[in-house]
Amino acid sequence: REASAADGRTKPVVMLDPGHGGVDPGAERDGVR
């Protein structure tokens, strides 16, 4: 991966983690989860 990054072919990866989900809806207000 490092060699690929050196020639610009591999971009950094950002992991987005939307919290909760499924059996765990998180906070709830006015019908919004």
Full PDB file with SEQRES, HELIX, SHEET, SSBOND, CRYST1, ORIGX, SCALE, CONECT and MASTER records, all heavy atoms in Angstrom:
SEQRES   1 A   33  ARG GLU ALA SER ALA ALA ASP GLY ARG THR LYS PRO VAL          
SEQRES   2 A   33  VAL MET LEU ASP PRO GLY HIS GLY GLY VAL ASP PRO GLY          
SEQRES   3 A   33  ALA GLU ARG ASP GLY VAL ARG                                  
HELIX    1 AA1 GLU A    2  ALA A    6  1                                   5    
CRYST1    1.000    1.000    1.000  90.00  90.00  90.00 P 1           1          
ORIGX1      1.000000  0.000000  0.000000        0.00000                         
ORIGX2      0.000000  1.000000  0.000000        0.00000                         
ORIGX3      0.000000  0.000000  1.000000        0.00000                         
SCALE1      1.000000  0.000000  0.000000        0.00000                         
SCALE2      0.000000  1.000000  0.000000        0.00000                         
SCALE3      0.000000  0.000000  1.000000        0.00000                         
ATOM      1  N   ARG A   1       0.819  -1.211   0.000  1.00  0.00           N  
ATOM      2  CA  ARG A   1       0.000   0.000   0.000  1.00  0.00           C  
ATOM      3  C   ARG A   1       0.853   1.261   0.000  1.00  0.00           C  
ATOM      4  O   ARG A   1       0.537   2.240  -0.653  1.00  0.00           O  
ATOM      5  CB  ARG A   1      -0.904  -0.013   1.238  1.00  0.00           C  
ATOM      6  CG  ARG A   1      -1.949   1.068   1.240  1.00  0.00           C  
ATOM      7  CD  ARG A   1      -2.976   0.784   2.341  1.00  0.00           C  
ATOM      8  NE  ARG A   1      -4.031   1.768   2.262  1.00  0.00           N  
ATOM      9  CZ  ARG A   1      -4.020   2.909   2.898  1.00  0.00           C  
ATOM     10  NH1 ARG A   1      -2.985   3.239   3.643  1.00  0.00           N  
ATOM     11  NH2 ARG A   1      -5.024   3.770   2.791  1.00  0.00           N  
ATOM     12  N   GLU A   2       1.969   1.222   0.732  1.00  0.00           N  
ATOM     13  CA  GLU A   2       2.824   2.399   0.787  1.00  0.00           C  
ATOM     14  C   GLU A   2       3.424   2.713  -0.577  1.00  0.00           C  
ATOM     15  O   GLU A   2       3.543   3.872  -0.963  1.00  0.00           O  
ATOM     16  CB  GLU A   2       3.954   2.199   1.803  1.00  0.00           C  
ATOM     17  CG  GLU A   2       3.483   2.109   3.243  1.00  0.00           C  
ATOM     18  CD  GLU A   2       2.922   0.752   3.594  1.00  0.00           C  
ATOM     19  OE1 GLU A   2       2.960  -0.148   2.752  1.00  0.00           O  
ATOM     20  OE2 GLU A   2       2.422   0.577   4.688  1.00  0.00           O  
ATOM     21  N   ALA A   3       3.805   1.657  -1.333  1.00  0.00           N  
ATOM     22  CA  ALA A   3       4.374   1.883  -2.657  1.00  0.00           C  
ATOM     23  C   ALA A   3       3.335   2.461  -3.593  1.00  0.00           C  
ATOM     24  O   ALA A   3       3.621   3.334  -4.402  1.00  0.00           O  
ATOM     25  CB  ALA A   3       4.928   0.577  -3.217  1.00  0.00           C  
ATOM     26  N   SER A   4       2.098   1.999  -3.475  1.00  0.00           N  
ATOM     27  CA  SER A   4       1.036   2.537  -4.308  1.00  0.00           C  
ATOM     28  C   SER A   4       0.778   3.996  -3.965  1.00  0.00           C  
ATOM     29  O   SER A   4       0.531   4.829  -4.835  1.00  0.00           O  
ATOM     30  CB  SER A   4      -0.252   1.724  -4.117  1.00  0.00           C  
ATOM     31  OG  SER A   4      -0.061   0.399  -4.547  1.00  0.00           O  
ATOM     32  N   ALA A   5       0.825   4.300  -2.687  1.00  0.00           N  
ATOM     33  CA  ALA A   5       0.586   5.682  -2.270  1.00  0.00           C  
ATOM     34  C   ALA A   5       1.665   6.602  -2.802  1.00  0.00           C  
ATOM     35  O   ALA A   5       1.421   7.769  -3.113  1.00  0.00           O  
ATOM     36  CB  ALA A   5       0.527   5.756  -0.743  1.00  0.00           C  
ATOM     37  N   ALA A   6       2.896   6.075  -2.931  1.00  0.00           N  
ATOM     38  CA  ALA A   6       3.992   6.922  -3.370  1.00  0.00           C  
ATOM     39  C   ALA A   6       3.790   7.434  -4.784  1.00  0.00           C  
ATOM     40  O   ALA A   6       4.198   8.535  -5.118  1.00  0.00           O  
ATOM     41  CB  ALA A   6       5.307   6.132  -3.290  1.00  0.00           C  
ATOM     42  N   ASP A   7       3.148   6.634  -5.652  1.00  0.00           N  
ATOM     43  CA  ASP A   7       2.940   7.120  -7.012  1.00  0.00           C  
ATOM     44  C   ASP A   7       1.561   7.753  -7.187  1.00  0.00           C  
ATOM     45  O   ASP A   7       1.134   7.994  -8.316  1.00  0.00           O  
ATOM     46  CB  ASP A   7       3.155   5.992  -8.029  1.00  0.00           C  
ATOM     47  CG  ASP A   7       2.174   4.848  -7.865  1.00  0.00           C  
ATOM     48  OD1 ASP A   7       1.120   5.028  -7.226  1.00  0.00           O  
ATOM     49  OD2 ASP A   7       2.456   3.765  -8.406  1.00  0.00           O  
ATOM     50  N   GLY A   8       0.870   8.004  -6.090  1.00  0.00           N  
ATOM     51  CA  GLY A   8      -0.366   8.751  -6.136  1.00  0.00           C  
ATOM     52  C   GLY A   8      -1.594   7.952  -6.526  1.00  0.00           C  
ATOM     53  O   GLY A   8      -2.662   8.520  -6.717  1.00  0.00           O  
ATOM     54  N   ARG A   9      -1.468   6.617  -6.647  1.00  0.00           N  
ATOM     55  CA  ARG A   9      -2.610   5.840  -7.107  1.00  0.00           C  
ATOM     56  C   ARG A   9      -3.550   5.447  -5.971  1.00  0.00           C  
ATOM     57  O   ARG A   9      -4.659   5.028  -6.222  1.00  0.00           O  
ATOM     58  CB  ARG A   9      -2.123   4.586  -7.842  1.00  0.00           C  
ATOM     59  CG  ARG A   9      -1.540   4.888  -9.213  1.00  0.00           C  
ATOM     60  CD  ARG A   9      -1.176   3.630  -9.969  1.00  0.00           C  
ATOM     61  NE  ARG A   9       0.006   2.993  -9.400  1.00  0.00           N  
ATOM     62  CZ  ARG A   9      -0.024   1.802  -8.809  1.00  0.00           C  
ATOM     63  NH1 ARG A   9      -1.149   1.155  -8.692  1.00  0.00           N  
ATOM     64  NH2 ARG A   9       1.082   1.275  -8.319  1.00  0.00           N  
ATOM     65  N   THR A  10      -3.111   5.539  -4.739  1.00  0.00           N  
ATOM     66  CA  THR A  10      -3.964   5.178  -3.608  1.00  0.00           C  
ATOM     67  C   THR A  10      -4.267   6.421  -2.791  1.00  0.00           C  
ATOM     68  O   THR A  10      -3.372   7.133  -2.383  1.00  0.00           O  
ATOM     69  CB  THR A  10      -3.278   4.125  -2.714  1.00  0.00           C  
ATOM     70  OG1 THR A  10      -3.079   2.933  -3.477  1.00  0.00           O  
ATOM     71  CG2 THR A  10      -4.134   3.816  -1.508  1.00  0.00           C  
ATOM     72  N   LYS A  11      -5.553   6.662  -2.545  1.00  0.00           N  
ATOM     73  CA  LYS A  11      -5.969   7.826  -1.767  1.00  0.00           C  
ATOM     74  C   LYS A  11      -6.135   7.432  -0.296  1.00  0.00           C  
ATOM     75  O   LYS A  11      -6.417   6.271   0.010  1.00  0.00           O  
ATOM     76  CB  LYS A  11      -7.292   8.362  -2.312  1.00  0.00           C  
ATOM     77  CG  LYS A  11      -7.237   8.801  -3.762  1.00  0.00           C  
ATOM     78  CD  LYS A  11      -8.634   9.190  -4.238  1.00  0.00           C  
ATOM     79  CE  LYS A  11      -8.621   9.543  -5.718  1.00  0.00           C  
ATOM     80  NZ  LYS A  11      -9.980   9.845  -6.222  1.00  0.00           N  
ATOM     81  N   PRO A  12      -5.991   8.403   0.610  1.00  0.00           N  
ATOM     82  CA  PRO A  12      -6.303   8.107   2.007  1.00  0.00           C  
ATOM     83  C   PRO A  12      -7.755   7.674   2.143  1.00  0.00           C  
ATOM     84  O   PRO A  12      -8.629   8.101   1.379  1.00  0.00           O  
ATOM     85  CB  PRO A  12      -6.050   9.449   2.710  1.00  0.00           C  
ATOM     86  CG  PRO A  12      -5.164  10.211   1.787  1.00  0.00           C  
ATOM     87  CD  PRO A  12      -5.527   9.778   0.408  1.00  0.00           C  
ATOM     88  N   VAL A  13      -8.013   6.813   3.108  1.00  0.00           N  
ATOM     89  CA  VAL A  13      -9.363   6.289   3.337  1.00  0.00           C  
ATOM     90  C   VAL A  13      -9.932   6.894   4.619  1.00  0.00           C  
ATOM     91  O   VAL A  13      -9.318   6.801   5.685  1.00  0.00           O  
ATOM     92  CB  VAL A  13      -9.360   4.756   3.443  1.00  0.00           C  
ATOM     93  CG1 VAL A  13     -10.761   4.229   3.741  1.00  0.00           C  
ATOM     94  CG2 VAL A  13      -8.823   4.138   2.156  1.00  0.00           C  
ATOM     95  N   VAL A  14     -11.084   7.520   4.506  1.00  0.00           N  
ATOM     96  CA  VAL A  14     -11.798   8.077   5.650  1.00  0.00           C  
ATOM     97  C   VAL A  14     -12.934   7.128   6.005  1.00  0.00           C  
ATOM     98  O   VAL A  14     -13.780   6.821   5.163  1.00  0.00           O  
ATOM     99  CB  VAL A  14     -12.369   9.470   5.330  1.00  0.00           C  
ATOM    100  CG1 VAL A  14     -13.151  10.016   6.530  1.00  0.00           C  
ATOM    101  CG2 VAL A  14     -11.246  10.425   4.930  1.00  0.00           C  
ATOM    102  N   MET A  15     -12.952   6.632   7.236  1.00  0.00           N  
ATOM    103  CA  MET A  15     -14.039   5.774   7.693  1.00  0.00           C  
ATOM    104  C   MET A  15     -15.062   6.615   8.447  1.00  0.00           C  
ATOM    105  O   MET A  15     -14.742   7.233   9.476  1.00  0.00           O  
ATOM    106  CB  MET A  15     -13.509   4.669   8.604  1.00  0.00           C  
ATOM    107  CG  MET A  15     -14.606   3.800   9.232  1.00  0.00           C  
ATOM    108  SD  MET A  15     -15.655   2.964   8.028  1.00  0.00           S  
ATOM    109  CE  MET A  15     -14.656   1.534   7.602  1.00  0.00           C  
ATOM    110  N   LEU A  16     -16.272   6.675   7.921  1.00  0.00           N  
ATOM    111  CA  LEU A  16     -17.371   7.365   8.594  1.00  0.00           C  
ATOM    112  C   LEU A  16     -18.193   6.340   9.356  1.00  0.00           C  
ATOM    113  O   LEU A  16     -18.543   5.285   8.818  1.00  0.00           O  
ATOM    114  CB  LEU A  16     -18.251   8.095   7.575  1.00  0.00           C  
ATOM    115  CG  LEU A  16     -17.552   9.155   6.709  1.00  0.00           C  
ATOM    116  CD1 LEU A  16     -18.548   9.786   5.745  1.00  0.00           C  
ATOM    117  CD2 LEU A  16     -16.902  10.214   7.580  1.00  0.00           C  
ATOM    118  N   ASP A  17     -18.506   6.654  10.575  1.00  0.00           N  
ATOM    119  CA  ASP A  17     -19.201   5.714  11.463  1.00  0.00           C  
ATOM    120  C   ASP A  17     -20.511   6.333  11.949  1.00  0.00           C  
ATOM    121  O   ASP A  17     -20.527   7.003  12.988  1.00  0.00           O  
ATOM    122  CB  ASP A  17     -18.294   5.372  12.656  1.00  0.00           C  
ATOM    123  CG  ASP A  17     -19.021   4.553  13.704  1.00  0.00           C  
ATOM    124  OD1 ASP A  17     -19.761   3.633  13.317  1.00  0.00           O  
ATOM    125  OD2 ASP A  17     -18.852   4.840  14.911  1.00  0.00           O  
ATOM    126  N   PRO A  18     -21.620   6.152  11.205  1.00  0.00           N  
ATOM    127  CA  PRO A  18     -22.914   6.643  11.701  1.00  0.00           C  
ATOM    128  C   PRO A  18     -23.316   5.852  12.941  1.00  0.00           C  
ATOM    129  O   PRO A  18     -23.484   4.635  12.881  1.00  0.00           O  
ATOM    130  CB  PRO A  18     -23.877   6.383  10.536  1.00  0.00           C  
ATOM    131  CG  PRO A  18     -23.007   6.063   9.355  1.00  0.00           C  
ATOM    132  CD  PRO A  18     -21.749   5.475   9.906  1.00  0.00           C  
ATOM    133  N   GLY A  19     -23.458   6.534  14.064  1.00  0.00           N  
ATOM    134  CA  GLY A  19     -23.714   5.840  15.326  1.00  0.00           C  
ATOM    135  C   GLY A  19     -25.052   5.131  15.369  1.00  0.00           C  
ATOM    136  O   GLY A  19     -25.970   5.432  14.602  1.00  0.00           O  
ATOM    137  N   HIS A  20     -25.138   4.172  16.294  1.00  0.00           N  
ATOM    138  CA  HIS A  20     -26.382   3.452  16.578  1.00  0.00           C  
ATOM    139  C   HIS A  20     -26.852   2.660  15.350  1.00  0.00           C  
ATOM    140  O   HIS A  20     -26.043   2.267  14.535  1.00  0.00           O  
ATOM    141  CB  HIS A  20     -27.451   4.413  17.100  1.00  0.00           C  
ATOM    142  CG  HIS A  20     -26.973   5.248  18.255  1.00  0.00           C  
ATOM    143  ND1 HIS A  20     -26.818   4.761  19.531  1.00  0.00           N  
ATOM    144  CD2 HIS A  20     -26.561   6.543  18.302  1.00  0.00           C  
ATOM    145  CE1 HIS A  20     -26.362   5.710  20.332  1.00  0.00           C  
ATOM    146  NE2 HIS A  20     -26.180   6.805  19.603  1.00  0.00           N  
ATOM    147  N   GLY A  21     -28.160   2.403  15.219  1.00  0.00           N  
ATOM    148  CA  GLY A  21     -28.685   1.635  14.093  1.00  0.00           C  
ATOM    149  C   GLY A  21     -29.297   0.319  14.531  1.00  0.00           C  
ATOM    150  O   GLY A  21     -28.912  -0.281  15.542  1.00  0.00           O  
ATOM    151  N   GLY A  22     -30.282  -0.145  13.768  1.00  0.00           N  
ATOM    152  CA  GLY A  22     -30.925  -1.428  14.054  1.00  0.00           C  
ATOM    153  C   GLY A  22     -31.660  -1.410  15.376  1.00  0.00           C  
ATOM    154  O   GLY A  22     -32.513  -0.545  15.619  1.00  0.00           O  
ATOM    155  N   VAL A  23     -31.316  -2.356  16.252  1.00  0.00           N  
ATOM    156  CA  VAL A  23     -32.007  -2.464  17.547  1.00  0.00           C  
ATOM    157  C   VAL A  23     -31.693  -1.287  18.459  1.00  0.00           C  
ATOM    158  O   VAL A  23     -32.326  -1.120  19.498  1.00  0.00           O  
ATOM    159  CB  VAL A  23     -31.625  -3.774  18.266  1.00  0.00           C  
ATOM    160  CG1 VAL A  23     -32.084  -4.976  17.467  1.00  0.00           C  
ATOM    161  CG2 VAL A  23     -30.122  -3.835  18.515  1.00  0.00           C  
ATOM    162  N   ASP A  24     -30.726  -0.470  18.090  1.00  0.00           N  
ATOM    163  CA  ASP A  24     -30.305   0.673  18.904  1.00  0.00           C  
ATOM    164  C   ASP A  24     -30.541   1.970  18.123  1.00  0.00           C  
ATOM    165  O   ASP A  24     -29.666   2.413  17.383  1.00  0.00           O  
ATOM    166  CB  ASP A  24     -28.826   0.530  19.270  1.00  0.00           C  
ATOM    167  CG  ASP A  24     -28.254   1.796  19.912  1.00  0.00           C  
ATOM    168  OD1 ASP A  24     -29.020   2.477  20.620  1.00  0.00           O  
ATOM    169  OD2 ASP A  24     -27.064   2.085  19.676  1.00  0.00           O  
ATOM    170  N   PRO A  25     -31.709   2.592  18.268  1.00  0.00           N  
ATOM    171  CA  PRO A  25     -32.002   3.807  17.493  1.00  0.00           C  
ATOM    172  C   PRO A  25     -31.322   5.056  18.023  1.00  0.00           C  
ATOM    173  O   PRO A  25     -31.337   6.095  17.371  1.00  0.00           O  
ATOM    174  CB  PRO A  25     -33.528   3.942  17.616  1.00  0.00           C  
ATOM    175  CG  PRO A  25     -33.842   3.317  18.940  1.00  0.00           C  
ATOM    176  CD  PRO A  25     -32.856   2.169  19.091  1.00  0.00           C  
ATOM    177  N   GLY A  26     -30.710   4.971  19.217  1.00  0.00           N  
ATOM    178  CA  GLY A  26     -30.112   6.169  19.804  1.00  0.00           C  
ATOM    179  C   GLY A  26     -31.181   7.071  20.397  1.00  0.00           C  
ATOM    180  O   GLY A  26     -32.244   6.627  20.817  1.00  0.00           O  
ATOM    181  N   ALA A  27     -30.895   8.375  20.429  1.00  0.00           N  
ATOM    182  CA  ALA A  27     -31.860   9.336  20.980  1.00  0.00           C  
ATOM    183  C   ALA A  27     -33.065   9.462  20.046  1.00  0.00           C  
ATOM    184  O   ALA A  27     -32.959   9.247  18.835  1.00  0.00           O  
ATOM    185  CB  ALA A  27     -31.195  10.690  21.160  1.00  0.00           C  
ATOM    186  N   GLU A  28     -34.199   9.821  20.608  1.00  0.00           N  
ATOM    187  CA  GLU A  28     -35.423  10.019  19.826  1.00  0.00           C  
ATOM    188  C   GLU A  28     -36.136  11.279  20.308  1.00  0.00           C  
ATOM    189  O   GLU A  28     -36.325  11.479  21.502  1.00  0.00           O  
ATOM    190  CB  GLU A  28     -36.340   8.803  19.954  1.00  0.00           C  
ATOM    191  CG  GLU A  28     -35.739   7.511  19.406  1.00  0.00           C  
ATOM    192  CD  GLU A  28     -36.713   6.340  19.427  1.00  0.00           C  
ATOM    193  OE1 GLU A  28     -37.752   6.422  18.732  1.00  0.00           O  
ATOM    194  OE2 GLU A  28     -36.456   5.364  20.154  1.00  0.00           O  
ATOM    195  N   ARG A  29     -36.523  12.138  19.375  1.00  0.00           N  
ATOM    196  CA  ARG A  29     -37.262  13.360  19.680  1.00  0.00           C  
ATOM    197  C   ARG A  29     -38.243  13.644  18.546  1.00  0.00           C  
ATOM    198  O   ARG A  29     -37.880  13.597  17.375  1.00  0.00           O  
ATOM    199  CB  ARG A  29     -36.321  14.561  19.833  1.00  0.00           C  
ATOM    200  CG  ARG A  29     -35.465  14.578  21.087  1.00  0.00           C  
ATOM    201  CD  ARG A  29     -36.297  14.764  22.357  1.00  0.00           C  
ATOM    202  NE  ARG A  29     -35.453  14.933  23.533  1.00  0.00           N  
ATOM    203  CZ  ARG A  29     -34.905  13.952  24.213  1.00  0.00           C  
ATOM    204  NH1 ARG A  29     -35.079  12.712  23.798  1.00  0.00           N  
ATOM    205  NH2 ARG A  29     -34.168  14.192  25.288  1.00  0.00           N  
ATOM    206  N   ASP A  30     -39.478  13.930  18.902  1.00  0.00           N  
ATOM    207  CA  ASP A  30     -40.503  14.321  17.932  1.00  0.00           C  
ATOM    208  C   ASP A  30     -40.614  13.328  16.782  1.00  0.00           C  
ATOM    209  O   ASP A  30     -40.777  13.698  15.617  1.00  0.00           O  
ATOM    210  CB  ASP A  30     -40.212  15.721  17.373  1.00  0.00           C  
ATOM    211  CG  ASP A  30     -40.168  16.795  18.455  1.00  0.00           C  
ATOM    212  OD1 ASP A  30     -40.805  16.585  19.510  1.00  0.00           O  
ATOM    213  OD2 ASP A  30     -39.487  17.806  18.245  1.00  0.00           O  
ATOM    214  N   GLY A  31     -40.502  12.041  17.086  1.00  0.00           N  
ATOM    215  CA  GLY A  31     -40.621  11.020  16.061  1.00  0.00           C  
ATOM    216  C   GLY A  31     -39.382  10.849  15.198  1.00  0.00           C  
ATOM    217  O   GLY A  31     -39.406  10.095  14.218  1.00  0.00           O  
ATOM    218  N   VAL A  32     -38.286  11.542  15.557  1.00  0.00           N  
ATOM    219  CA  VAL A  32     -37.041  11.453  14.784  1.00  0.00           C  
ATOM    220  C   VAL A  32     -36.032  10.628  15.576  1.00  0.00           C  
ATOM    221  O   VAL A  32     -35.856  10.830  16.779  1.00  0.00           O  
ATOM    222  CB  VAL A  32     -36.466  12.855  14.495  1.00  0.00           C  
ATOM    223  CG1 VAL A  32     -35.183  12.747  13.679  1.00  0.00           C  
ATOM    224  CG2 VAL A  32     -37.491  13.703  13.753  1.00  0.00           C  
ATOM    225  N   ARG A  33     -35.364   9.712  14.902  1.00  0.00           N  
ATOM    226  CA  ARG A  33     -34.377   8.855  15.555  1.00  0.00           C  
ATOM    227  C   ARG A  33     -32.961   9.321  15.203  1.00  0.00           C  
ATOM    228  O   ARG A  33     -32.664   9.653  14.056  1.00  0.00           O  
ATOM    229  CB  ARG A  33     -34.553   7.403  15.120  1.00  0.00           C  
ATOM    230  CG  ARG A  33     -35.962   6.859  15.321  1.00  0.00           C  
ATOM    231  CD  ARG A  33     -36.027   5.364  15.130  1.00  0.00           C  
ATOM    232  NE  ARG A  33     -35.317   4.904  13.932  1.00  0.00           N  
ATOM    233  CZ  ARG A  33     -35.041   3.631  13.681  1.00  0.00           C  
ATOM    234  NH1 ARG A  33     -35.398   2.699  14.557  1.00  0.00           N  
ATOM    235  NH2 ARG A  33     -34.422   3.275  12.566  1.00  0.00           N  
TER     236      ARG A  33                                                      
MASTER        0    0    0    1    0    0    0    6  235    1    0    3          
END                                                                             
